[in-house]
Amino acid sequence: MDGVVNIRKTSGPTSHDVVYDIRRIFGQKRVGHAGTLDPMATGVLVVCLGKATRFVEYLMGTTKEYIAEMVLGQSTDSEDSTGTIISETDASSVTREALESAIKSFVGEITQIPPMVSAVKHEGQRLYKLARQGKSVERKGRQVTIHSIDLLDFTAGKLAQARIRVKCSSGTYIRTLCSDIGDTLGCGAHMSALERTRVGSFTIENAVTIDQLYTAKDEGRLDSLVTDINTALCEMPSVTLSDQGADDIRYGRPAVIGDEHETGKTVRALSFDGELLAIGEVVDLDGSRVLKPKKVLCVMDMD
């Protein structure tokens, strides 16, 4: 089976655990997720099946939305509640207005330092593996984009509590965002809970649990819970090709398209009847605007 499943992950299992369950449920080996969720985190985990695994990178690059809870006045070595407290400061002076002001300063393009518990590699080793050994290394900052942050709830106190909704680019560390907000306020902070509510077009409202998938398997309706690849990538702009262009793309050749398409854009290549043929990049080639295929669903035999 080829397509995408929108999983509602519970707290506890790793993303790899979820992939293992999906392999068992669907009885196939080619399974991969489009963006890790930590064991403590819940919410949307997009899992690709079969040919859809070739398009994981494009799903990973979509906009994400999270709801996070944070504790002000306490910093931990992991930047979340699973870590060891490394500092504690009375946050009683922090008001809702002060928190909202601090939050606004993080909207836009910002630089984050990946936490030591992240999967980023340092000299070939994952940071979280070094952290388990009690090591800390210097990390390079990474550019991410915070589209918006909304303060949903706030309770003042020595250990103030806050709940925020964050819309952001791929690669954003919400735990680091919470910690940095606390540092801006001068009291420190850590993330105490996290739910991912959206990945691209996939939302928490339409997600299914692993238990629901097992039930669907028993009832013979697994197909109804799998989204086709084209629909899964619906946020990506598309180009409808002529019959000649569709043939060119199927054979892995650039296809001539209209000049109205902007160069440098990554787009879906569709046949006249709406079938997804490939993902490609719009470029200028030999005086023509063409779509250069990057990932073709089914490459035809040139012979």
Protein backbone atom coordinates (compact mmCIF):
# COMPACT_ATOMS: atom_id res chain seq x y z
CA MET A 1 0.00 0.00 0.00
CA ASP A 2 1.27 3.49 -0.89
CA GLY A 3 0.18 6.60 0.99
CA VAL A 4 0.23 8.48 4.27
CA VAL A 5 -1.32 7.74 7.67
CA ASN A 6 -2.04 10.52 10.17
CA ILE A 7 -1.23 9.01 13.57
CA ARG A 8 -2.26 10.50 16.91
CA LYS A 9 0.72 9.55 19.05
CA THR A 10 0.28 9.03 22.77
CA SER A 11 2.84 9.94 25.43
CA GLY A 12 5.42 7.23 26.08
CA PRO A 13 6.22 5.47 22.78
CA THR A 14 9.04 6.69 20.58
CA SER A 15 8.40 7.59 16.95
CA HIS A 16 10.28 4.41 16.04
CA ASP A 17 7.85 2.40 18.19
CA VAL A 18 4.97 3.85 16.16
CA VAL A 19 6.68 2.93 12.87
CA TYR A 20 7.17 -0.63 14.18
CA ASP A 21 3.45 -0.89 14.94
CA ILE A 22 2.54 0.46 11.49
CA ARG A 23 4.76 -2.16 9.84
CA ARG A 24 2.91 -4.89 11.72
CA ILE A 25 -0.55 -3.49 11.02
CA PHE A 26 -0.02 -2.97 7.29
CA GLY A 27 2.30 -5.92 6.79
CA GLN A 28 4.93 -4.00 4.86
CA LYS A 29 8.54 -2.98 5.44
CA ARG A 30 8.72 0.37 3.62
CA VAL A 31 7.48 2.66 6.39
CA GLY A 32 8.91 5.95 7.64
CA HIS A 33 7.78 8.98 9.64
CA ALA A 34 7.91 12.61 8.54
CA GLY A 35 9.32 14.26 11.66
CA THR A 36 10.14 12.79 15.07
CA LEU A 37 8.10 13.35 18.21
CA ASP A 38 9.86 12.82 21.54
CA PRO A 39 8.48 10.05 23.79
CA MET A 40 6.85 12.58 26.15
CA ALA A 41 5.17 14.44 23.28
CA THR A 42 1.75 13.64 21.83
CA GLY A 43 -0.16 14.49 18.68
CA VAL A 44 0.28 14.31 14.93
CA LEU A 45 2.91 11.91 13.61
CA VAL A 46 2.76 11.59 9.82
CA VAL A 47 3.76 8.08 8.69
CA CYS A 48 4.50 7.20 5.05
CA LEU A 49 3.87 3.81 3.44
CA GLY A 50 5.47 2.28 0.36
CA LYS A 51 6.25 4.76 -2.43
CA ALA A 52 5.23 7.64 -0.16
CA THR A 53 8.47 7.13 1.82
CA ARG A 54 10.31 8.70 -1.14
CA PHE A 55 8.49 11.97 -0.42
CA VAL A 56 9.12 12.14 3.34
CA GLU A 57 11.45 15.14 2.97
CA TYR A 58 8.69 17.24 1.41
CA LEU A 59 6.23 16.40 4.18
CA MET A 60 8.89 17.17 6.79
CA GLY A 61 9.38 20.62 5.28
CA THR A 62 5.76 21.70 5.82
CA THR A 63 4.55 24.12 8.50
CA LYS A 64 4.04 22.63 11.98
CA GLU A 65 1.70 23.69 14.79
CA TYR A 66 2.14 22.85 18.46
CA ILE A 67 0.49 23.50 21.80
CA ALA A 68 3.08 23.59 24.55
CA GLU A 69 2.90 23.99 28.31
CA MET A 70 5.79 25.62 30.11
CA VAL A 71 6.93 26.27 33.66
CA LEU A 72 8.53 29.65 34.32
CA GLY A 73 11.11 29.88 37.10
CA GLN A 74 12.73 26.49 36.54
CA SER A 75 15.39 25.46 34.00
CA THR A 76 16.39 21.87 33.28
CA ASP A 77 19.35 20.33 31.48
CA SER A 78 17.03 18.85 28.80
CA GLU A 79 14.89 22.02 28.52
CA ASP A 80 11.82 19.92 29.39
CA SER A 81 10.31 18.19 32.42
CA THR A 82 12.20 14.93 31.82
CA GLY A 83 15.51 16.56 32.71
CA THR A 84 17.30 17.53 35.92
CA ILE A 85 16.61 20.97 37.38
CA ILE A 86 19.74 23.11 36.99
CA SER A 87 18.41 26.45 38.24
CA GLU A 88 15.35 27.85 40.00
CA THR A 89 14.28 31.49 40.22
CA ASP A 90 11.16 33.06 41.73
CA ALA A 91 8.94 33.97 38.75
CA SER A 92 6.27 35.76 40.80
CA SER A 93 7.11 39.09 39.19
CA VAL A 94 6.30 37.81 35.68
CA THR A 95 2.96 39.19 34.48
CA ARG A 96 0.85 38.11 31.54
CA GLU A 97 1.76 41.35 29.78
CA ALA A 98 5.50 40.73 30.30
CA LEU A 99 5.19 37.19 28.96
CA GLU A 100 3.25 38.34 25.90
CA SER A 101 5.91 40.95 25.21
CA ALA A 102 8.69 38.36 25.48
CA ILE A 103 6.80 35.96 23.22
CA LYS A 104 6.41 38.58 20.47
CA SER A 105 10.20 38.99 20.25
CA PHE A 106 10.51 35.40 19.02
CA VAL A 107 8.13 35.75 16.06
CA GLY A 108 9.96 35.78 12.72
CA GLU A 109 13.27 34.26 11.72
CA ILE A 110 15.31 33.33 14.79
CA THR A 111 18.44 31.36 15.65
CA GLN A 112 18.18 28.35 17.93
CA ILE A 113 20.91 26.28 19.56
CA PRO A 114 19.87 22.61 19.29
CA PRO A 115 19.46 21.03 22.75
CA MET A 116 21.89 18.34 23.85
CA VAL A 117 19.03 15.83 23.84
CA SER A 118 18.37 16.36 20.12
CA ALA A 119 19.17 13.97 17.26
CA VAL A 120 21.58 16.45 15.64
CA LYS A 121 24.97 14.90 14.95
CA HIS A 122 28.29 16.13 16.36
CA GLU A 123 31.36 14.51 14.78
CA GLY A 124 29.23 11.56 13.69
CA GLN A 125 27.44 11.03 17.01
CA ARG A 126 23.90 11.99 17.96
CA LEU A 127 23.81 14.71 20.61
CA TYR A 128 21.39 12.76 22.79
CA LYS A 129 23.88 9.87 22.95
CA LEU A 130 26.59 12.26 24.15
CA ALA A 131 24.14 13.71 26.68
CA ARG A 132 23.51 10.22 28.09
CA GLN A 133 27.26 10.02 28.69
CA GLY A 134 27.10 13.27 30.64
CA LYS A 135 28.85 15.21 27.89
CA SER A 136 28.02 18.66 26.55
CA VAL A 137 29.51 20.04 23.33
CA GLU A 138 29.36 23.34 21.50
CA ARG A 139 26.52 23.44 18.96
CA LYS A 140 26.02 25.67 15.96
CA GLY A 141 22.96 27.88 15.78
CA ARG A 142 20.23 27.02 13.26
CA GLN A 143 17.84 29.38 11.51
CA VAL A 144 14.14 28.62 11.96
CA THR A 145 10.97 30.62 11.38
CA ILE A 146 8.29 31.21 14.00
CA HIS A 147 5.14 32.23 12.12
CA SER A 148 3.09 33.01 15.23
CA ILE A 149 2.88 32.41 18.99
CA ASP A 150 -0.40 32.78 20.89
CA LEU A 151 -0.59 32.81 24.68
CA LEU A 152 -3.56 30.57 25.49
CA ASP A 153 -3.34 30.52 29.27
CA PHE A 154 -1.22 31.97 32.08
CA THR A 155 -1.13 31.43 35.84
CA ALA A 156 1.17 33.69 37.84
CA GLY A 157 3.25 32.39 40.72
CA LYS A 158 6.69 31.44 41.96
CA LEU A 159 6.60 28.70 39.34
CA ALA A 160 4.32 30.37 36.82
CA GLN A 161 2.47 28.21 34.29
CA ALA A 162 1.81 29.11 30.64
CA ARG A 163 0.25 27.45 27.62
CA ILE A 164 1.14 28.60 24.11
CA ARG A 165 0.24 27.75 20.51
CA VAL A 166 3.16 27.90 18.09
CA LYS A 167 3.11 27.82 14.28
CA CYS A 168 6.61 27.32 12.95
CA SER A 169 8.90 25.96 10.27
CA SER A 170 10.32 22.48 10.22
CA GLY A 171 13.34 22.04 12.50
CA THR A 172 12.04 24.26 15.31
CA TYR A 173 12.74 23.00 18.84
CA ILE A 174 9.76 23.97 20.99
CA ARG A 175 11.57 23.02 24.21
CA THR A 176 14.34 25.44 23.25
CA LEU A 177 11.78 28.12 22.45
CA CYS A 178 10.27 27.73 25.94
CA SER A 179 13.70 27.84 27.56
CA ASP A 180 14.73 30.94 25.58
CA ILE A 181 11.50 32.73 26.48
CA GLY A 182 12.28 32.05 30.15
CA ASP A 183 15.81 33.39 29.72
CA THR A 184 14.44 36.56 28.10
CA LEU A 185 12.24 37.07 31.17
CA GLY A 186 15.22 36.48 33.46
CA CYS A 187 13.67 33.57 35.34
CA GLY A 188 14.35 30.57 33.13
CA ALA A 189 11.75 28.06 31.95
CA HIS A 190 11.23 24.55 30.68
CA MET A 191 8.62 22.79 28.59
CA SER A 192 6.31 20.59 30.66
CA ALA A 193 4.06 19.16 27.91
CA LEU A 194 3.85 19.20 24.12
CA GLU A 195 1.19 18.28 21.59
CA ARG A 196 1.72 18.61 17.84
CA THR A 197 -1.61 19.66 16.38
CA ARG A 198 -0.73 20.02 12.70
CA VAL A 199 1.84 18.92 10.11
CA GLY A 200 1.08 20.53 6.76
CA SER A 201 -2.48 19.55 5.89
CA PHE A 202 -2.67 16.85 8.58
CA THR A 203 -4.45 17.92 11.77
CA ILE A 204 -4.99 16.42 15.21
CA GLU A 205 -8.76 16.31 14.59
CA ASN A 206 -8.28 13.83 11.74
CA ALA A 207 -5.55 11.72 13.36
CA VAL A 208 -6.09 8.11 14.45
CA THR A 209 -4.50 6.15 17.28
CA ILE A 210 -2.63 2.87 16.90
CA ASP A 211 -5.52 1.11 18.67
CA GLN A 212 -7.96 2.54 16.12
CA LEU A 213 -5.75 1.22 13.31
CA TYR A 214 -5.80 -2.28 14.80
CA THR A 215 -9.59 -2.07 14.96
CA ALA A 216 -9.76 -0.87 11.35
CA LYS A 217 -7.57 -3.80 10.29
CA ASP A 218 -9.90 -6.27 11.99
CA GLU A 219 -12.85 -4.64 10.22
CA GLY A 220 -11.11 -4.62 6.83
CA ARG A 221 -11.15 -0.83 6.36
CA LEU A 222 -7.49 0.18 6.62
CA ASP A 223 -7.63 1.67 3.11
CA SER A 224 -10.03 4.36 4.30
CA LEU A 225 -7.42 5.70 6.75
CA VAL A 226 -4.63 6.08 4.16
CA THR A 227 -4.24 9.40 2.32
CA ASP A 228 -2.88 9.27 -1.23
CA ILE A 229 0.46 10.96 -1.89
CA ASN A 230 -0.93 13.78 -4.02
CA THR A 231 -3.48 14.79 -1.36
CA ALA A 232 -0.81 14.55 1.35
CA LEU A 233 1.29 17.10 -0.57
CA CYS A 234 -1.63 19.41 -1.37
CA GLU A 235 0.05 22.44 0.27
CA MET A 236 2.79 22.27 -2.37
CA PRO A 237 1.96 24.24 -5.56
CA SER A 238 1.31 22.20 -8.71
CA VAL A 239 1.85 22.36 -12.46
CA THR A 240 -0.51 20.58 -14.88
CA LEU A 241 1.45 19.21 -17.80
CA SER A 242 0.55 18.66 -21.44
CA ASP A 243 0.49 15.07 -22.70
CA GLN A 244 4.00 15.57 -24.10
CA GLY A 245 5.17 17.09 -20.83
CA ALA A 246 3.69 14.19 -18.86
CA ASP A 247 5.53 11.71 -21.08
CA ASP A 248 8.79 13.63 -20.63
CA ILE A 249 8.44 13.57 -16.84
CA ARG A 250 7.59 9.86 -16.82
CA TYR A 251 10.87 9.22 -18.65
CA GLY A 252 12.77 11.45 -16.21
CA ARG A 253 13.23 14.28 -18.74
CA PRO A 254 12.57 18.02 -18.15
CA ALA A 255 9.11 19.10 -19.31
CA VAL A 256 8.40 22.49 -20.92
CA ILE A 257 5.89 24.59 -18.94
CA GLY A 258 4.52 28.13 -19.06
CA ASP A 259 6.58 31.21 -18.20
CA GLU A 260 4.05 32.13 -15.48
CA HIS A 261 5.67 29.59 -13.14
CA GLU A 262 8.39 31.07 -10.92
CA THR A 263 11.89 29.63 -11.23
CA GLY A 264 13.35 27.94 -8.18
CA LYS A 265 9.97 26.68 -6.94
CA THR A 266 9.45 23.06 -5.98
CA VAL A 267 6.11 21.88 -7.36
CA ARG A 268 3.97 18.80 -7.97
CA ALA A 269 3.85 17.67 -11.59
CA LEU A 270 0.32 16.57 -12.50
CA SER A 271 -1.07 14.95 -15.61
CA PHE A 272 -4.09 16.53 -17.33
CA ASP A 273 -6.43 14.28 -15.30
CA GLY A 274 -4.76 15.22 -12.00
CA GLU A 275 -2.49 12.21 -11.47
CA LEU A 276 0.69 12.95 -9.48
CA LEU A 277 3.66 12.12 -11.69
CA ALA A 278 6.61 13.66 -9.88
CA ILE A 279 8.02 16.42 -7.72
CA GLY A 280 10.20 18.82 -9.64
CA GLU A 281 11.92 22.21 -9.69
CA VAL A 282 11.04 25.03 -12.06
CA VAL A 283 14.17 26.14 -13.94
CA ASP A 284 15.21 27.94 -17.12
CA LEU A 285 16.88 25.63 -19.62
CA ASP A 286 18.00 26.49 -23.17
CA GLY A 287 15.74 29.53 -23.30
CA SER A 288 12.64 27.69 -22.03
CA ARG A 289 10.90 27.49 -18.65
CA VAL A 290 10.91 23.80 -17.73
CA LEU A 291 10.10 21.50 -14.86
CA LYS A 292 13.15 19.45 -13.91
CA PRO A 293 12.05 16.21 -12.17
CA LYS A 294 13.55 15.49 -8.76
CA LYS A 295 11.40 12.56 -7.60
CA VAL A 296 9.40 10.62 -10.22
CA LEU A 297 6.71 8.25 -9.00
CA CYS A 298 7.27 5.74 -11.79
CA VAL A 299 10.21 6.15 -14.18
CA MET A 300 9.52 4.57 -17.56
CA ASP A 301 12.05 2.26 -19.19
CA MET A 302 13.98 4.27 -21.79
CA ASP A 303 14.22 1.16 -23.97
